[in-house]
Amino acid sequence: MDAATADALAKLSQDRRVLAQQQMLQALLAERFQLTVHRETKELTTYTLVIAKGGPKLQEAKPGDTYPNGGTLPDGTHAGAGSMKGGQLDGYLRAQAVPIAKLVLSLTQMLGHPFRIKPS
């Protein structure tokens, strides 16, 4: 893109810039490769993580709070530091030193529906 277009994009908000870049890429692909796009809206089940009454129950891991070799899970196996393990059939999810984003991704994969975090 030319400098004027780059400057115009830089002045947009993040959301508008992303949308403009997507539209530019779509136009380029349509022109060069005759690619067409079909957009469709669907209603899907989603889950939302919210802070419980009385405040959050999760605590930030501090270096001395985690087990160097991980904790023991109900099945006797160990979860290493910075790991998580769980399953639908056994009904547990254990984690230590795992970012919330990884928790959300794991829940999405385990339950087959997207999760999101409700801002506080």
PDB file of N, CA and C in Angstrom:
ATOM      1  N   MET A   1       0.842  -1.179   0.000  1.00  0.00           N
ATOM      2  CA  MET A   1       0.000   0.000   0.000  1.00  0.00           C
ATOM      3  C   MET A   1       0.884   1.237   0.000  1.00  0.00           C
ATOM      4  N   ASP A   2       0.347   2.323  -0.494  1.00  0.00           N
ATOM      5  CA  ASP A   2       1.134   3.540  -0.548  1.00  0.00           C
ATOM      6  C   ASP A   2       1.145   4.240   0.812  1.00  0.00           C
ATOM      7  N   ALA A   3       2.012   5.243   0.955  1.00  0.00           N
ATOM      8  CA  ALA A   3       2.194   5.942   2.233  1.00  0.00           C
ATOM      9  C   ALA A   3       0.924   6.661   2.678  1.00  0.00           C
ATOM     10  N   ALA A   4       0.170   7.231   1.747  1.00  0.00           N
ATOM     11  CA  ALA A   4      -1.057   7.954   2.099  1.00  0.00           C
ATOM     12  C   ALA A   4      -2.091   6.993   2.703  1.00  0.00           C
ATOM     13  N   THR A   5      -2.205   5.800   2.126  1.00  0.00           N
ATOM     14  CA  THR A   5      -3.145   4.805   2.644  1.00  0.00           C
ATOM     15  C   THR A   5      -2.703   4.330   4.022  1.00  0.00           C
ATOM     16  N   ALA A   6      -1.410   4.110   4.190  1.00  0.00           N
ATOM     17  CA  ALA A   6      -0.875   3.683   5.491  1.00  0.00           C
ATOM     18  C   ALA A   6      -1.126   4.749   6.551  1.00  0.00           C
ATOM     19  N   ASP A   7      -0.936   6.021   6.192  1.00  0.00           N
ATOM     20  CA  ASP A   7      -1.192   7.119   7.131  1.00  0.00           C
ATOM     21  C   ASP A   7      -2.671   7.195   7.500  1.00  0.00           C
ATOM     22  N   ALA A   8      -3.539   7.011   6.516  1.00  0.00           N
ATOM     23  CA  ALA A   8      -4.985   7.048   6.778  1.00  0.00           C
ATOM     24  C   ALA A   8      -5.389   5.903   7.705  1.00  0.00           C
ATOM     25  N   LEU A   9      -4.816   4.730   7.496  1.00  0.00           N
ATOM     26  CA  LEU A   9      -5.122   3.590   8.372  1.00  0.00           C
ATOM     27  C   LEU A   9      -4.638   3.840   9.792  1.00  0.00           C
ATOM     28  N   ALA A  10      -3.478   4.452   9.938  1.00  0.00           N
ATOM     29  CA  ALA A  10      -2.897   4.705  11.258  1.00  0.00           C
ATOM     30  C   ALA A  10      -3.775   5.637  12.089  1.00  0.00           C
ATOM     31  N   LYS A  11      -4.554   6.473  11.430  1.00  0.00           N
ATOM     32  CA  LYS A  11      -5.416   7.420  12.143  1.00  0.00           C
ATOM     33  C   LYS A  11      -6.721   6.793  12.617  1.00  0.00           C
ATOM     34  N   LEU A  12      -7.035   5.591  12.151  1.00  0.00           N
ATOM     35  CA  LEU A  12      -8.285   4.922  12.537  1.00  0.00           C
ATOM     36  C   LEU A  12      -8.136   4.229  13.882  1.00  0.00           C
ATOM     37  N   SER A  13      -9.267   3.981  14.529  1.00  0.00           N
ATOM     38  CA  SER A  13      -9.250   3.191  15.759  1.00  0.00           C
ATOM     39  C   SER A  13      -8.847   1.761  15.403  1.00  0.00           C
ATOM     40  N   GLN A  14      -8.451   0.990  16.401  1.00  0.00           N
ATOM     41  CA  GLN A  14      -8.011  -0.388  16.166  1.00  0.00           C
ATOM     42  C   GLN A  14      -9.088  -1.193  15.449  1.00  0.00           C
ATOM     43  N   ASP A  15     -10.346  -1.115  15.909  1.00  0.00           N
ATOM     44  CA  ASP A  15     -11.435  -1.881  15.297  1.00  0.00           C
ATOM     45  C   ASP A  15     -11.653  -1.484  13.842  1.00  0.00           C
ATOM     46  N   ARG A  16     -11.678  -0.173  13.593  1.00  0.00           N
ATOM     47  CA  ARG A  16     -11.903   0.301  12.220  1.00  0.00           C
ATOM     48  C   ARG A  16     -10.729  -0.024  11.303  1.00  0.00           C
ATOM     49  N   ARG A  17      -9.504   0.017  11.869  1.00  0.00           N
ATOM     50  CA  ARG A  17      -8.317  -0.315  11.080  1.00  0.00           C
ATOM     51  C   ARG A  17      -8.352  -1.786  10.665  1.00  0.00           C
ATOM     52  N   VAL A  18      -8.704  -2.667  11.593  1.00  0.00           N
ATOM     53  CA  VAL A  18      -8.781  -4.099  11.277  1.00  0.00           C
ATOM     54  C   VAL A  18      -9.833  -4.344  10.201  1.00  0.00           C
ATOM     55  N   LEU A  19     -10.993  -3.708  10.340  1.00  0.00           N
ATOM     56  CA  LEU A  19     -12.056  -3.866   9.346  1.00  0.00           C
ATOM     57  C   LEU A  19     -11.602  -3.358   7.974  1.00  0.00           C
ATOM     58  N   ALA A  20     -10.953  -2.198   7.951  1.00  0.00           N
ATOM     59  CA  ALA A  20     -10.477  -1.639   6.676  1.00  0.00           C
ATOM     60  C   ALA A  20      -9.430  -2.560   6.031  1.00  0.00           C
ATOM     61  N   GLN A  21      -8.534  -3.105   6.838  1.00  0.00           N
ATOM     62  CA  GLN A  21      -7.518  -4.010   6.298  1.00  0.00           C
ATOM     63  C   GLN A  21      -8.152  -5.287   5.756  1.00  0.00           C
ATOM     64  N   GLN A  22      -9.161  -5.800   6.444  1.00  0.00           N
ATOM     65  CA  GLN A  22      -9.861  -6.989   5.956  1.00  0.00           C
ATOM     66  C   GLN A  22     -10.544  -6.703   4.624  1.00  0.00           C
ATOM     67  N   GLN A  23     -11.171  -5.535   4.495  1.00  0.00           N
ATOM     68  CA  GLN A  23     -11.840  -5.171   3.248  1.00  0.00           C
ATOM     69  C   GLN A  23     -10.830  -4.997   2.118  1.00  0.00           C
ATOM     70  N   MET A  24      -9.674  -4.423   2.424  1.00  0.00           N
ATOM     71  CA  MET A  24      -8.642  -4.245   1.405  1.00  0.00           C
ATOM     72  C   MET A  24      -8.108  -5.594   0.931  1.00  0.00           C
ATOM     73  N   LEU A  25      -7.874  -6.510   1.876  1.00  0.00           N
ATOM     74  CA  LEU A  25      -7.388  -7.838   1.518  1.00  0.00           C
ATOM     75  C   LEU A  25      -8.426  -8.590   0.694  1.00  0.00           C
ATOM     76  N   GLN A  26      -9.689  -8.474   1.079  1.00  0.00           N
ATOM     77  CA  GLN A  26     -10.761  -9.145   0.326  1.00  0.00           C
ATOM     78  C   GLN A  26     -10.822  -8.608  -1.098  1.00  0.00           C
ATOM     79  N   ALA A  27     -10.697  -7.302  -1.264  1.00  0.00           N
ATOM     80  CA  ALA A  27     -10.728  -6.709  -2.605  1.00  0.00           C
ATOM     81  C   ALA A  27      -9.539  -7.181  -3.437  1.00  0.00           C
ATOM     82  N   LEU A  28      -8.361  -7.275  -2.803  1.00  0.00           N
ATOM     83  CA  LEU A  28      -7.168  -7.739  -3.506  1.00  0.00           C
ATOM     84  C   LEU A  28      -7.332  -9.189  -3.961  1.00  0.00           C
ATOM     85  N   LEU A  29      -7.832 -10.052  -3.076  1.00  0.00           N
ATOM     86  CA  LEU A  29      -8.027 -11.460  -3.425  1.00  0.00           C
ATOM     87  C   LEU A  29      -9.092 -11.631  -4.510  1.00  0.00           C
ATOM     88  N   ALA A  30     -10.118 -10.805  -4.470  1.00  0.00           N
ATOM     89  CA  ALA A  30     -11.160 -10.869  -5.499  1.00  0.00           C
ATOM     90  C   ALA A  30     -10.595 -10.452  -6.860  1.00  0.00           C
ATOM     91  N   GLU A  31      -9.782  -9.414  -6.851  1.00  0.00           N
ATOM     92  CA  GLU A  31      -9.213  -8.905  -8.095  1.00  0.00           C
ATOM     93  C   GLU A  31      -8.199  -9.879  -8.699  1.00  0.00           C
ATOM     94  N   ARG A  32      -7.288 -10.367  -7.888  1.00  0.00           N
ATOM     95  CA  ARG A  32      -6.193 -11.194  -8.413  1.00  0.00           C
ATOM     96  C   ARG A  32      -6.557 -12.657  -8.611  1.00  0.00           C
ATOM     97  N   PHE A  33      -7.410 -13.201  -7.744  1.00  0.00           N
ATOM     98  CA  PHE A  33      -7.689 -14.631  -7.783  1.00  0.00           C
ATOM     99  C   PHE A  33      -9.164 -14.962  -7.989  1.00  0.00           C
ATOM    100  N   GLN A  34      -9.987 -13.941  -8.220  1.00  0.00           N
ATOM    101  CA  GLN A  34     -11.421 -14.104  -8.400  1.00  0.00           C
ATOM    102  C   GLN A  34     -12.053 -14.841  -7.201  1.00  0.00           C
ATOM    103  N   LEU A  35     -11.501 -14.603  -6.033  1.00  0.00           N
ATOM    104  CA  LEU A  35     -12.023 -15.212  -4.803  1.00  0.00           C
ATOM    105  C   LEU A  35     -13.279 -14.479  -4.365  1.00  0.00           C
ATOM    106  N   THR A  36     -14.318 -15.220  -4.058  1.00  0.00           N
ATOM    107  CA  THR A  36     -15.533 -14.613  -3.533  1.00  0.00           C
ATOM    108  C   THR A  36     -15.739 -15.082  -2.101  1.00  0.00           C
ATOM    109  N   VAL A  37     -16.422 -14.275  -1.338  1.00  0.00           N
ATOM    110  CA  VAL A  37     -16.645 -14.562   0.076  1.00  0.00           C
ATOM    111  C   VAL A  37     -18.136 -14.639   0.332  1.00  0.00           C
ATOM    112  N   HIS A  38     -18.516 -15.615   1.102  1.00  0.00           N
ATOM    113  CA  HIS A  38     -19.909 -15.748   1.528  1.00  0.00           C
ATOM    114  C   HIS A  38     -19.945 -15.551   3.040  1.00  0.00           C
ATOM    115  N   ARG A  39     -20.717 -14.604   3.511  1.00  0.00           N
ATOM    116  CA  ARG A  39     -20.843 -14.355   4.949  1.00  0.00           C
ATOM    117  C   ARG A  39     -22.209 -14.849   5.402  1.00  0.00           C
ATOM    118  N   GLU A  40     -22.201 -15.431   6.586  1.00  0.00           N
ATOM    119  CA  GLU A  40     -23.427 -15.992   7.126  1.00  0.00           C
ATOM    120  C   GLU A  40     -23.437 -15.780   8.633  1.00  0.00           C
ATOM    121  N   THR A  41     -24.591 -15.435   9.167  1.00  0.00           N
ATOM    122  CA  THR A  41     -24.739 -15.255  10.600  1.00  0.00           C
ATOM    123  C   THR A  41     -25.477 -16.446  11.175  1.00  0.00           C
ATOM    124  N   LYS A  42     -24.911 -17.006  12.250  1.00  0.00           N
ATOM    125  CA  LYS A  42     -25.545 -18.140  12.915  1.00  0.00           C
ATOM    126  C   LYS A  42     -25.598 -17.874  14.408  1.00  0.00           C
ATOM    127  N   GLU A  43     -26.634 -18.393  15.047  1.00  0.00           N
ATOM    128  CA  GLU A  43     -26.694 -18.342  16.499  1.00  0.00           C
ATOM    129  C   GLU A  43     -26.055 -19.609  17.039  1.00  0.00           C
ATOM    130  N   LEU A  44     -25.103 -19.433  17.946  1.00  0.00           N
ATOM    131  CA  LEU A  44     -24.392 -20.553  18.528  1.00  0.00           C
ATOM    132  C   LEU A  44     -24.414 -20.450  20.046  1.00  0.00           C
ATOM    133  N   THR A  45     -24.256 -21.584  20.696  1.00  0.00           N
ATOM    134  CA  THR A  45     -24.154 -21.594  22.144  1.00  0.00           C
ATOM    135  C   THR A  45     -22.766 -21.115  22.547  1.00  0.00           C
ATOM    136  N   THR A  46     -22.714 -20.223  23.518  1.00  0.00           N
ATOM    137  CA  THR A  46     -21.448 -19.779  24.082  1.00  0.00           C
ATOM    138  C   THR A  46     -21.559 -19.779  25.602  1.00  0.00           C
ATOM    139  N   TYR A  47     -20.446 -19.837  26.250  1.00  0.00           N
ATOM    140  CA  TYR A  47     -20.379 -19.733  27.702  1.00  0.00           C
ATOM    141  C   TYR A  47     -19.619 -18.469  28.049  1.00  0.00           C
ATOM    142  N   THR A  48     -19.993 -17.862  29.174  1.00  0.00           N
ATOM    143  CA  THR A  48     -19.320 -16.663  29.632  1.00  0.00           C
ATOM    144  C   THR A  48     -18.794 -16.896  31.040  1.00  0.00           C
ATOM    145  N   LEU A  49     -17.512 -16.641  31.238  1.00  0.00           N
ATOM    146  CA  LEU A  49     -16.933 -16.705  32.572  1.00  0.00           C
ATOM    147  C   LEU A  49     -17.159 -15.356  33.242  1.00  0.00           C
ATOM    148  N   VAL A  50     -17.781 -15.383  34.419  1.00  0.00           N
ATOM    149  CA  VAL A  50     -18.042 -14.150  35.156  1.00  0.00           C
ATOM    150  C   VAL A  50     -17.465 -14.289  36.561  1.00  0.00           C
ATOM    151  N   ILE A  51     -17.211 -13.172  37.188  1.00  0.00           N
ATOM    152  CA  ILE A  51     -16.718 -13.179  38.561  1.00  0.00           C
ATOM    153  C   ILE A  51     -17.883 -13.494  39.495  1.00  0.00           C
ATOM    154  N   ALA A  52     -17.689 -14.470  40.368  1.00  0.00           N
ATOM    155  CA  ALA A  52     -18.738 -14.914  41.281  1.00  0.00           C
ATOM    156  C   ALA A  52     -19.026 -13.845  42.326  1.00  0.00           C
ATOM    157  N   LYS A  53     -20.217 -13.937  42.944  1.00  0.00           N
ATOM    158  CA  LYS A  53     -20.538 -13.047  44.053  1.00  0.00           C
ATOM    159  C   LYS A  53     -19.496 -13.265  45.133  1.00  0.00           C
ATOM    160  N   GLY A  54     -19.025 -12.192  45.707  1.00  0.00           N
ATOM    161  CA  GLY A  54     -17.995 -12.316  46.727  1.00  0.00           C
ATOM    162  C   GLY A  54     -16.589 -12.236  46.160  1.00  0.00           C
ATOM    163  N   GLY A  55     -16.471 -12.057  44.847  1.00  0.00           N
ATOM    164  CA  GLY A  55     -15.151 -11.879  44.246  1.00  0.00           C
ATOM    165  C   GLY A  55     -14.603 -13.129  43.597  1.00  0.00           C
ATOM    166  N   PRO A  56     -13.491 -12.974  42.877  1.00  0.00           N
ATOM    167  CA  PRO A  56     -12.908 -14.110  42.159  1.00  0.00           C
ATOM    168  C   PRO A  56     -12.349 -15.156  43.123  1.00  0.00           C
ATOM    169  N   LYS A  57     -12.427 -16.402  42.728  1.00  0.00           N
ATOM    170  CA  LYS A  57     -11.903 -17.508  43.531  1.00  0.00           C
ATOM    171  C   LYS A  57     -10.525 -17.942  43.030  1.00  0.00           C
ATOM    172  N   LEU A  58     -10.191 -17.585  41.794  1.00  0.00           N
ATOM    173  CA  LEU A  58      -8.874 -17.900  41.257  1.00  0.00           C
ATOM    174  C   LEU A  58      -7.861 -16.924  41.830  1.00  0.00           C
ATOM    175  N   GLN A  59      -6.680 -17.431  42.058  1.00  0.00           N
ATOM    176  CA  GLN A  59      -5.620 -16.578  42.577  1.00  0.00           C
ATOM    177  C   GLN A  59      -4.434 -16.632  41.630  1.00  0.00           C
ATOM    178  N   GLU A  60      -3.756 -15.518  41.525  1.00  0.00           N
ATOM    179  CA  GLU A  60      -2.574 -15.483  40.673  1.00  0.00           C
ATOM    180  C   GLU A  60      -1.480 -16.336  41.296  1.00  0.00           C
ATOM    181  N   ALA A  61      -0.850 -17.156  40.489  1.00  0.00           N
ATOM    182  CA  ALA A  61       0.232 -18.006  40.972  1.00  0.00           C
ATOM    183  C   ALA A  61       1.469 -17.162  41.232  1.00  0.00           C
ATOM    184  N   LYS A  62       2.080 -17.422  42.373  1.00  0.00           N
ATOM    185  CA  LYS A  62       3.343 -16.785  42.716  1.00  0.00           C
ATOM    186  C   LYS A  62       4.417 -17.864  42.648  1.00  0.00           C
ATOM    187  N   PRO A  63       5.663 -17.512  42.362  1.00  0.00           N
ATOM    188  CA  PRO A  63       6.696 -18.538  42.176  1.00  0.00           C
ATOM    189  C   PRO A  63       6.752 -19.587  43.285  1.00  0.00           C
ATOM    190  N   GLY A  64       6.572 -19.222  44.536  1.00  0.00           N
ATOM    191  CA  GLY A  64       6.650 -20.194  45.625  1.00  0.00           C
ATOM    192  C   GLY A  64       5.382 -20.993  45.825  1.00  0.00           C
ATOM    193  N   ASP A  65       4.290 -20.618  45.160  1.00  0.00           N
ATOM    194  CA  ASP A  65       3.000 -21.287  45.355  1.00  0.00           C
ATOM    195  C   ASP A  65       2.840 -22.538  44.506  1.00  0.00           C
ATOM    196  N   THR A  66       3.611 -22.672  43.449  1.00  0.00           N
ATOM    197  CA  THR A  66       3.417 -23.804  42.541  1.00  0.00           C
ATOM    198  C   THR A  66       4.361 -24.932  42.903  1.00  0.00           C
ATOM    199  N   TYR A  67       4.000 -26.112  42.525  1.00  0.00           N
ATOM    200  CA  TYR A  67       4.850 -27.276  42.737  1.00  0.00           C
ATOM    201  C   TYR A  67       5.844 -27.351  41.599  1.00  0.00           C
ATOM    202  N   PRO A  68       7.136 -27.497  41.884  1.00  0.00           N
ATOM    203  CA  PRO A  68       8.107 -27.520  40.795  1.00  0.00           C
ATOM    204  C   PRO A  68       7.861 -28.644  39.798  1.00  0.00           C
ATOM    205  N   ASN A  69       7.347 -29.767  40.253  1.00  0.00           N
ATOM    206  CA  ASN A  69       7.090 -30.896  39.350  1.00  0.00           C
ATOM    207  C   ASN A  69       5.605 -31.074  39.069  1.00  0.00           C
ATOM    208  N   GLY A  70       4.799 -30.102  39.463  1.00  0.00           N
ATOM    209  CA  GLY A  70       3.363 -30.190  39.220  1.00  0.00           C
ATOM    210  C   GLY A  70       2.625 -30.854  40.366  1.00  0.00           C
ATOM    211  N   GLY A  71       1.307 -30.755  40.332  1.00  0.00           N
ATOM    212  CA  GLY A  71       0.470 -31.342  41.364  1.00  0.00           C
ATOM    213  C   GLY A  71      -0.039 -32.717  40.962  1.00  0.00           C
ATOM    214  N   THR A  72      -0.542 -33.470  41.945  1.00  0.00           N
ATOM    215  CA  THR A  72      -1.098 -34.787  41.675  1.00  0.00           C
ATOM    216  C   THR A  72      -2.574 -34.645  41.317  1.00  0.00           C
ATOM    217  N   LEU A  73      -3.000 -35.303  40.256  1.00  0.00           N
ATOM    218  CA  LEU A  73      -4.383 -35.266  39.794  1.00  0.00           C
ATOM    219  C   LEU A  73      -5.153 -36.450  40.370  1.00  0.00           C
ATOM    220  N   PRO A  74      -6.487 -36.416  40.309  1.00  0.00           N
ATOM    221  CA  PRO A  74      -7.286 -37.508  40.868  1.00  0.00           C
ATOM    222  C   PRO A  74      -6.926 -38.882  40.330  1.00  0.00           C
ATOM    223  N   ASP A  75      -6.431 -38.964  39.091  1.00  0.00           N
ATOM    224  CA  ASP A  75      -6.086 -40.272  38.535  1.00  0.00           C
ATOM    225  C   ASP A  75      -4.665 -40.712  38.895  1.00  0.00           C
ATOM    226  N   GLY A  76      -3.984 -39.926  39.743  1.00  0.00           N
ATOM    227  CA  GLY A  76      -2.643 -40.285  40.183  1.00  0.00           C
ATOM    228  C   GLY A  76      -1.535 -39.739  39.310  1.00  0.00           C
ATOM    229  N   THR A  77      -1.865 -39.185  38.162  1.00  0.00           N
ATOM    230  CA  THR A  77      -0.846 -38.608  37.291  1.00  0.00           C
ATOM    231  C   THR A  77      -0.496 -37.210  37.785  1.00  0.00           C
ATOM    232  N   HIS A  78       0.543 -36.654  37.215  1.00  0.00           N
ATOM    233  CA  HIS A  78       1.003 -35.331  37.637  1.00  0.00           C
ATOM    234  C   HIS A  78       0.800 -34.315  36.524  1.00  0.00           C
ATOM    235  N   ALA A  79       0.411 -33.119  36.928  1.00  0.00           N
ATOM    236  CA  ALA A  79       0.335 -31.990  35.999  1.00  0.00           C
ATOM    237  C   ALA A  79       1.587 -31.167  36.209  1.00  0.00           C
ATOM    238  N   GLY A  80       2.349 -30.991  35.194  1.00  0.00           N
ATOM    239  CA  GLY A  80       3.592 -30.233  35.309  1.00  0.00           C
ATOM    240  C   GLY A  80       3.327 -28.756  35.518  1.00  0.00           C
ATOM    241  N   ALA A  81       4.346 -28.031  35.930  1.00  0.00           N
ATOM    242  CA  ALA A  81       4.216 -26.593  36.120  1.00  0.00           C
ATOM    243  C   ALA A  81       3.809 -25.956  34.795  1.00  0.00           C
ATOM    244  N   GLY A  82       2.852 -25.065  34.844  1.00  0.00           N
ATOM    245  CA  GLY A  82       2.383 -24.394  33.643  1.00  0.00           C
ATOM    246  C   GLY A  82       1.567 -25.293  32.748  1.00  0.00           C
ATOM    247  N   SER A  83       0.907 -26.312  33.314  1.00  0.00           N
ATOM    248  CA  SER A  83       0.119 -27.221  32.484  1.00  0.00           C
ATOM    249  C   SER A  83      -1.278 -27.384  33.046  1.00  0.00           C
ATOM    250  N   MET A  84      -2.146 -27.996  32.267  1.00  0.00           N
ATOM    251  CA  MET A  84      -3.488 -28.309  32.737  1.00  0.00           C
ATOM    252  C   MET A  84      -3.906 -29.633  32.156  1.00  0.00           C
ATOM    253  N   LYS A  85      -4.810 -30.292  32.875  1.00  0.00           N
ATOM    254  CA  LYS A  85      -5.302 -31.582  32.430  1.00  0.00           C
ATOM    255  C   LYS A  85      -6.746 -31.684  32.860  1.00  0.00           C
ATOM    256  N   GLY A  86      -7.552 -32.314  32.046  1.00  0.00           N
ATOM    257  CA  GLY A  86      -8.950 -32.493  32.411  1.00  0.00           C
ATOM    258  C   GLY A  86      -9.674 -33.242  31.328  1.00  0.00           C
ATOM    259  N   GLY A  87     -10.913 -33.564  31.615  1.00  0.00           N
ATOM    260  CA  GLY A  87     -11.693 -34.277  30.621  1.00  0.00           C
ATOM    261  C   GLY A  87     -13.161 -34.208  30.947  1.00  0.00           C
ATOM    262  N   GLN A  88     -13.990 -34.426  29.934  1.00  0.00           N
ATOM    263  CA  GLN A  88     -15.431 -34.369  30.138  1.00  0.00           C
ATOM    264  C   GLN A  88     -15.913 -35.536  30.993  1.00  0.00           C
ATOM    265  N   LEU A  89     -15.359 -36.721  30.778  1.00  0.00           N
ATOM    266  CA  LEU A  89     -15.889 -37.899  31.443  1.00  0.00           C
ATOM    267  C   LEU A  89     -15.558 -37.930  32.923  1.00  0.00           C
ATOM    268  N   ASP A  90     -14.354 -37.494  33.289  1.00  0.00           N
ATOM    269  CA  ASP A  90     -13.992 -37.568  34.693  1.00  0.00           C
ATOM    270  C   ASP A  90     -14.358 -36.304  35.456  1.00  0.00           C
ATOM    271  N   GLY A  91     -14.791 -35.253  34.780  1.00  0.00           N
ATOM    272  CA  GLY A  91     -15.358 -34.066  35.408  1.00  0.00           C
ATOM    273  C   GLY A  91     -14.396 -33.212  36.204  1.00  0.00           C
ATOM    274  N   TYR A  92     -13.131 -33.197  35.875  1.00  0.00           N
ATOM    275  CA  TYR A  92     -12.223 -32.316  36.581  1.00  0.00           C
ATOM    276  C   TYR A  92     -11.340 -31.560  35.605  1.00  0.00           C
ATOM    277  N   LEU A  93     -10.831 -30.448  36.093  1.00  0.00           N
ATOM    278  CA  LEU A  93      -9.865 -29.659  35.352  1.00  0.00           C
ATOM    279  C   LEU A  93      -8.915 -29.092  36.389  1.00  0.00           C
ATOM    280  N   ARG A  94      -7.683 -29.496  36.329  1.00  0.00           N
ATOM    281  CA  ARG A  94      -6.678 -29.016  37.271  1.00  0.00           C
ATOM    282  C   ARG A  94      -5.641 -28.239  36.492  1.00  0.00           C
ATOM    283  N   ALA A  95      -5.180 -27.162  37.099  1.00  0.00           N
ATOM    284  CA  ALA A  95      -4.172 -26.360  36.426  1.00  0.00           C
ATOM    285  C   ALA A  95      -3.327 -25.655  37.457  1.00  0.00           C
ATOM    286  N   GLN A  96      -2.128 -25.356  37.069  1.00  0.00           N
ATOM    287  CA  GLN A  96      -1.277 -24.510  37.913  1.00  0.00           C
ATOM    288  C   GLN A  96      -0.434 -23.642  37.013  1.00  0.00           C
ATOM    289  N   ALA A  97      -0.298 -22.393  37.394  1.00  0.00           N
ATOM    290  CA  ALA A  97       0.515 -21.426  36.654  1.00  0.00           C
ATOM    291  C   ALA A  97       0.106 -21.360  35.187  1.00  0.00           C
ATOM    292  N   VAL A  98      -1.211 -21.330  34.932  1.00  0.00           N
ATOM    293  CA  VAL A  98      -1.733 -21.289  33.571  1.00  0.00           C
ATOM    294  C   VAL A  98      -2.448 -19.955  33.358  1.00  0.00           C
ATOM    295  N   PRO A  99      -2.151 -19.243  32.276  1.00  0.00           N
ATOM    296  CA  PRO A  99      -2.863 -17.991  31.999  1.00  0.00           C
ATOM    297  C   PRO A  99      -4.353 -18.245  31.749  1.00  0.00           C
ATOM    298  N   ILE A 100      -5.179 -17.255  32.053  1.00  0.00           N
ATOM    299  CA  ILE A 100      -6.620 -17.363  31.847  1.00  0.00           C
ATOM    300  C   ILE A 100      -6.928 -17.679  30.386  1.00  0.00           C
ATOM    301  N   ALA A 101      -6.173 -17.123  29.459  1.00  0.00           N
ATOM    302  CA  ALA A 101      -6.413 -17.401  28.030  1.00  0.00           C
ATOM    303  C   ALA A 101      -6.295 -18.890  27.730  1.00  0.00           C
ATOM    304  N   LYS A 102      -5.340 -19.569  28.367  1.00  0.00           N
ATOM    305  CA  LYS A 102      -5.178 -21.009  28.157  1.00  0.00           C
ATOM    306  C   LYS A 102      -6.344 -21.772  28.785  1.00  0.00           C
ATOM    307  N   LEU A 103      -6.827 -21.308  29.942  1.00  0.00           N
ATOM    308  CA  LEU A 103      -7.997 -21.911  30.581  1.00  0.00           C
ATOM    309  C   LEU A 103      -9.208 -21.799  29.660  1.00  0.00           C
ATOM    310  N   VAL A 104      -9.436 -20.627  29.093  1.00  0.00           N
ATOM    311  CA  VAL A 104     -10.567 -20.407  28.188  1.00  0.00           C
ATOM    312  C   VAL A 104     -10.450 -21.305  26.959  1.00  0.00           C
ATOM    313  N   LEU A 105      -9.261 -21.423  26.392  1.00  0.00           N
ATOM    314  CA  LEU A 105      -9.058 -22.290  25.233  1.00  0.00           C
ATOM    315  C   LEU A 105      -9.335 -23.752  25.595  1.00  0.00           C
ATOM    316  N   SER A 106      -8.845 -24.201  26.732  1.00  0.00           N
ATOM    317  CA  SER A 106      -9.071 -25.589  27.155  1.00  0.00           C
ATOM    318  C   SER A 106     -10.555 -25.864  27.383  1.00  0.00           C
ATOM    319  N   LEU A 107     -11.263 -24.936  28.026  1.00  0.00           N
ATOM    320  CA  LEU A 107     -12.702 -25.121  28.238  1.00  0.00           C
ATOM    321  C   LEU A 107     -13.448 -25.174  26.912  1.00  0.00           C
ATOM    322  N   THR A 108     -13.059 -24.334  25.973  1.00  0.00           N
ATOM    323  CA  THR A 108     -13.679 -24.333  24.650  1.00  0.00           C
ATOM    324  C   THR A 108     -13.479 -25.682  23.964  1.00  0.00           C
ATOM    325  N   GLN A 109     -12.263 -26.208  24.034  1.00  0.00           N
ATOM    326  CA  GLN A 109     -11.977 -27.491  23.397  1.00  0.00           C
ATOM    327  C   GLN A 109     -12.691 -28.641  24.106  1.00  0.00           C
ATOM    328  N   MET A 110     -12.731 -28.620  25.428  1.00  0.00           N
ATOM    329  CA  MET A 110     -13.340 -29.715  26.186  1.00  0.00           C
ATOM    330  C   MET A 110     -14.850 -29.784  25.986  1.00  0.00           C
ATOM    331  N   LEU A 111     -15.497 -28.619  25.965  1.00  0.00           N
ATOM    332  CA  LEU A 111     -16.953 -28.591  25.913  1.00  0.00           C
ATOM    333  C   LEU A 111     -17.516 -28.352  24.523  1.00  0.00           C
ATOM    334  N   GLY A 112     -16.681 -27.999  23.570  1.00  0.00           N
ATOM    335  CA  GLY A 112     -17.133 -27.857  22.192  1.00  0.00           C
ATOM    336  C   GLY A 112     -17.939 -26.600  21.915  1.00  0.00           C
ATOM    337  N   HIS A 113     -17.866 -25.628  22.821  1.00  0.00           N
ATOM    338  CA  HIS A 113     -18.541 -24.340  22.610  1.00  0.00           C
ATOM    339  C   HIS A 113     -17.584 -23.224  23.015  1.00  0.00           C
ATOM    340  N   PRO A 114     -17.672 -22.093  22.341  1.00  0.00           N
ATOM    341  CA  PRO A 114     -16.759 -21.000  22.680  1.00  0.00           C
ATOM    342  C   PRO A 114     -17.040 -20.409  24.055  1.00  0.00           C
ATOM    343  N   PHE A 115     -15.980 -20.003  24.724  1.00  0.00           N
ATOM    344  CA  PHE A 115     -16.066 -19.298  25.999  1.00  0.00           C
ATOM    345  C   PHE A 115     -15.583 -17.889  25.789  1.00  0.00           C
ATOM    346  N   ARG A 116     -16.050 -17.000  26.613  1.00  0.00           N
ATOM    347  CA  ARG A 116     -15.530 -15.637  26.625  1.00  0.00           C
ATOM    348  C   ARG A 116     -15.474 -15.202  28.078  1.00  0.00           C
ATOM    349  N   ILE A 117     -14.724 -14.161  28.346  1.00  0.00           N
ATOM    350  CA  ILE A 117     -14.594 -13.635  29.693  1.00  0.00           C
ATOM    351  C   ILE A 117     -15.357 -12.329  29.750  1.00  0.00           C
ATOM    352  N   LYS A 118     -16.262 -12.225  30.727  1.00  0.00           N
ATOM    353  CA  LYS A 118     -17.019 -10.991  30.890  1.00  0.00           C
ATOM    354  C   LYS A 118     -16.117  -9.986  31.604  1.00  0.00           C
ATOM    355  N   PRO A 119     -15.910  -8.820  31.007  1.00  0.00           N
ATOM    356  CA  PRO A 119     -15.062  -7.817  31.660  1.00  0.00           C
ATOM    357  C   PRO A 119     -15.693  -7.366  32.971  1.00  0.00           C
ATOM    358  N   SER A 120     -14.839  -7.103  33.946  1.00  0.00           N
ATOM    359  CA  SER A 120     -15.366  -6.665  35.256  1.00  0.00           C
ATOM    360  C   SER A 120     -15.657  -5.191  35.273  1.00  0.00           C
TER     361      SER A 120
END
